[in-house]
Amino acid sequence: MSRALLDAYRAGNESAADELVKQNIPLVRRVVGRLALQLPPSVDREDLEVVGILGLLNAAKNYDPSRGAEFRTFAYIAIRGAVLDELRRLDVLPRGRRDGVRAYEEARRELAGRLGRDPTFLEIQEELNLTPHELEEVLRARALAQSVGLGGGEASTGVSPETFLSTADNDPASLAQLSEAKEKLATAMGSLPRREQDVLILYFEGGLLLREIGQVLELTESRVSQILQHALVMLNHRLGRHGEVV
């Protein structure tokens, strides 16, 4: 993405806006396509693409190259955020399904504590007294909750931000510590080369697979893997965690 095109769009050039969308519509469709895998048929994919385009244009207005990340990385996060906001607004996971997912997670944790291992799907099904069809519906709802971030399921990257922040909010010392840690991490990431920053952002914040990061940045999966490993080593070195992995 050329800086001249972004500047022309910001100046109100309509043809620049059209070109901006034209160049990045594959990125919008990739974001929507990834999120749409778990969505019910009632959600119109084309409507989500329109929302994604609005997120793209908003990204173009707010992009600051001095902050390190390439425009495609910045745009991907903005597009994904806009689409997720729209899905939350649509409330694609009814309350009854959310309750079912919470019950599933509670049963899974209780059984894990009781058995000393992760329970099987059949054991959870029997614990909740569900039919195979009901279990399948709960698992679909759980996958949707995880992919869209609607709550009720465990986030793939660990403790959910809502849980972590609510804990810190009740403890001023924890909140101060969290703020300091975020500042150190941001400073460390800002000192990395742009490509390393892009890969880290897409991997941790965007939740993309290495193959998908390669598609966004136009790199091979093996090259993305190399960059990610190098970025983690550099990041840990900046944070003083020699020999560790973030």
Foldseek 3Di string as FASTA:
>chain_A
DDPVLLVCVLVPNPVSLVVQCVVCLVLLLVLLVVLCPLFDPVDDSVVLSVQLSVLQSVLSNPDDCLQQADSLLSSNLSSNVSSLVVCVVVVRQDPVLLVLLLLLVVLQVVVCVVVVHGDDLVVSCVVVVHDPVVSVSSVSSQVSCQSSVVDSHAHPVGHDPVVQVVVCVVPVVSVVVVVVVVVLLSVQLSPDHSVLNSLVCCVPVVVDQLCVSCVSVVHHSVVSVVSPVVSQCSSCVSVVNHPDGD
